[in-house]
């Protein structure tokens, strides 16, 4: 059974994949912080508020002709949803394709708005940085790819 918070995160990824920034950011609090994983050069480490998320979005859309994010596992722990994702993109100018796995951690307020999105190079890095015990992985819901 999918929780409300996992549904919210999943719908955000659906919006991202449709290139619909409004749908992608619908559940973000006005004071959201979007922390990048440090994977791509040229991005700031943190974007704040809806305007900041839109700047992040524009930077990613400018660099990539195609961006698809496929979540394949969700882990809930306290006020967080960890999403293990597969990223596939094609460079706008170079045509180079990139595929990689990493994780996002969505931290929610009581009203189910996301106050922080943080990117990590792996689920293990995400768990360690966010103080989530590895035992939480047992409650993960897998998504078929």
Protein backbone atom coordinates (compact mmCIF):
# COMPACT_ATOMS: atom_id res chain seq x y z
CA UNK A 1 0.00 0.00 0.00
CA UNK A 2 1.41 3.37 -1.02
CA UNK A 3 1.41 6.10 1.58
CA UNK A 4 0.29 9.65 0.86
CA UNK A 5 3.87 10.94 1.04
CA UNK A 6 5.19 8.32 -1.38
CA UNK A 7 2.32 9.19 -3.72
CA UNK A 8 3.27 12.89 -3.51
CA UNK A 9 6.93 12.15 -4.35
CA UNK A 10 5.94 9.82 -7.18
CA UNK A 11 3.64 12.46 -8.68
CA UNK A 12 6.49 14.98 -8.51
CA UNK A 13 8.69 12.67 -10.59
CA UNK A 14 5.83 12.18 -13.06
CA UNK A 15 5.63 15.98 -13.41
CA UNK A 16 9.40 16.18 -13.92
CA UNK A 17 9.26 13.56 -16.67
CA UNK A 18 6.44 15.44 -18.43
CA UNK A 19 8.52 18.64 -18.14
CA UNK A 20 5.73 20.19 -16.10
CA UNK A 21 7.49 22.34 -13.49
CA UNK A 22 4.19 23.28 -11.83
CA UNK A 23 3.23 19.63 -11.28
CA UNK A 24 6.77 18.79 -10.18
CA UNK A 25 6.77 21.54 -7.56
CA UNK A 26 3.11 21.39 -6.46
CA UNK A 27 3.92 19.80 -3.09
CA UNK A 28 6.94 21.98 -2.29
CA UNK A 29 6.66 24.43 0.62
CA UNK A 30 7.22 28.09 -0.30
CA UNK A 31 10.48 28.04 1.70
CA UNK A 32 11.73 24.73 0.27
CA UNK A 33 15.47 24.05 0.02
CA UNK A 34 16.61 21.95 -2.94
CA UNK A 35 20.10 20.58 -2.28
CA UNK A 36 21.85 19.15 -5.33
CA UNK A 37 23.95 16.00 -5.21
CA UNK A 38 27.04 17.76 -6.57
CA UNK A 39 27.05 15.47 -9.59
CA UNK A 40 26.78 18.07 -12.34
CA UNK A 41 29.11 21.05 -12.69
CA UNK A 42 27.61 24.49 -12.93
CA UNK A 43 24.78 23.90 -10.48
CA UNK A 44 24.62 25.68 -7.15
CA UNK A 45 24.70 23.42 -4.09
CA UNK A 46 21.37 24.80 -2.80
CA UNK A 47 18.33 26.44 -4.40
CA UNK A 48 15.79 28.13 -2.10
CA UNK A 49 12.08 28.76 -2.51
CA UNK A 50 9.92 28.21 -5.54
CA UNK A 51 11.94 30.73 -7.58
CA UNK A 52 15.14 28.87 -6.73
CA UNK A 53 13.61 25.53 -7.75
CA UNK A 54 12.53 27.09 -11.04
CA UNK A 55 16.13 28.31 -11.62
CA UNK A 56 17.41 24.79 -10.89
CA UNK A 57 14.77 23.38 -13.26
CA UNK A 58 15.74 25.84 -16.01
CA UNK A 59 19.45 24.98 -15.64
CA UNK A 60 18.72 21.28 -15.98
CA UNK A 61 16.36 21.74 -18.92
CA UNK A 62 18.89 23.99 -20.69
CA UNK A 63 21.68 21.43 -20.37
CA UNK A 64 19.70 18.30 -21.25
CA UNK A 65 17.57 17.57 -24.29
CA UNK A 66 16.08 14.59 -22.48
CA UNK A 67 15.83 13.94 -18.75
CA UNK A 68 13.98 10.99 -17.30
CA UNK A 69 13.92 10.05 -13.65
CA UNK A 70 12.65 6.60 -12.76
CA UNK A 71 12.21 5.86 -9.07
CA UNK A 72 12.67 2.20 -8.28
CA UNK A 73 12.41 2.16 -4.50
CA UNK A 74 10.90 4.32 -1.78
CA UNK A 75 11.77 4.14 1.91
CA UNK A 76 9.78 6.07 4.50
CA UNK A 77 11.30 6.98 7.83
CA UNK A 78 9.76 9.49 10.22
CA UNK A 79 9.21 12.72 8.23
CA UNK A 80 11.30 11.58 5.24
CA UNK A 81 10.82 9.68 2.01
CA UNK A 82 14.01 8.35 0.41
CA UNK A 83 13.70 7.71 -3.31
CA UNK A 84 16.26 5.50 -5.01
CA UNK A 85 16.22 6.67 -8.62
CA UNK A 86 17.64 5.99 -12.04
CA UNK A 87 18.58 9.13 -14.00
CA UNK A 88 18.78 9.04 -17.78
CA UNK A 89 19.62 12.14 -19.80
CA UNK A 90 20.90 13.20 -23.21
CA UNK A 91 23.02 16.32 -23.54
CA UNK A 92 21.42 19.10 -25.54
CA UNK A 93 24.59 20.13 -27.40
CA UNK A 94 26.82 17.07 -27.13
CA UNK A 95 24.22 14.34 -27.54
CA UNK A 96 26.10 12.41 -24.83
CA UNK A 97 23.84 10.09 -22.86
CA UNK A 98 24.22 9.74 -19.10
CA UNK A 99 22.73 7.02 -16.94
CA UNK A 100 23.27 6.84 -13.22
CA UNK A 101 21.58 5.81 -10.02
CA UNK A 102 21.35 8.03 -6.97
CA UNK A 103 18.93 9.04 -4.23
CA UNK A 104 16.76 11.95 -3.18
CA UNK A 105 15.53 12.53 0.34
CA UNK A 106 12.28 14.47 0.71
CA UNK A 107 11.64 15.92 4.17
CA UNK A 108 8.00 16.75 4.91
CA UNK A 109 6.25 19.14 7.26
CA UNK A 110 3.14 18.03 9.14
CA UNK A 111 0.93 19.44 6.35
CA UNK A 112 2.59 17.10 3.80
CA UNK A 113 4.50 19.87 2.05
CA UNK A 114 8.14 19.15 1.22
CA UNK A 115 10.56 21.49 3.02
CA UNK A 116 13.81 19.92 1.81
CA UNK A 117 14.86 17.88 -1.21
CA UNK A 118 18.42 16.59 -0.92
CA UNK A 119 20.33 14.66 -3.58
CA UNK A 120 22.90 11.98 -2.74
CA UNK A 121 25.16 9.80 -4.84
CA UNK A 122 23.75 6.64 -3.26
CA UNK A 123 21.06 5.41 -0.88
CA UNK A 124 23.78 4.52 1.60
CA UNK A 125 25.07 8.10 1.50
CA UNK A 126 21.52 9.38 1.95
CA UNK A 127 20.85 7.15 4.95
CA UNK A 128 24.14 8.11 6.60
CA UNK A 129 23.73 11.86 6.02
CA UNK A 130 20.10 11.91 7.13
CA UNK A 131 20.60 9.67 10.18
CA UNK A 132 18.29 6.95 8.88
CA UNK A 133 19.05 3.49 10.24
CA UNK A 134 19.78 0.84 7.59
CA UNK A 135 17.00 -1.27 9.14
CA UNK A 136 14.53 1.17 7.55
CA UNK A 137 15.35 -0.44 4.20
CA UNK A 138 13.21 -3.43 5.21
CA UNK A 139 10.13 -1.26 4.83
CA UNK A 140 11.06 -0.16 1.30
CA UNK A 141 8.49 -0.37 -1.43
CA UNK A 142 9.98 -1.51 -4.74
CA UNK A 143 8.75 -0.13 -8.04
CA UNK A 144 9.03 -2.33 -11.12
CA UNK A 145 11.07 -0.79 -13.93
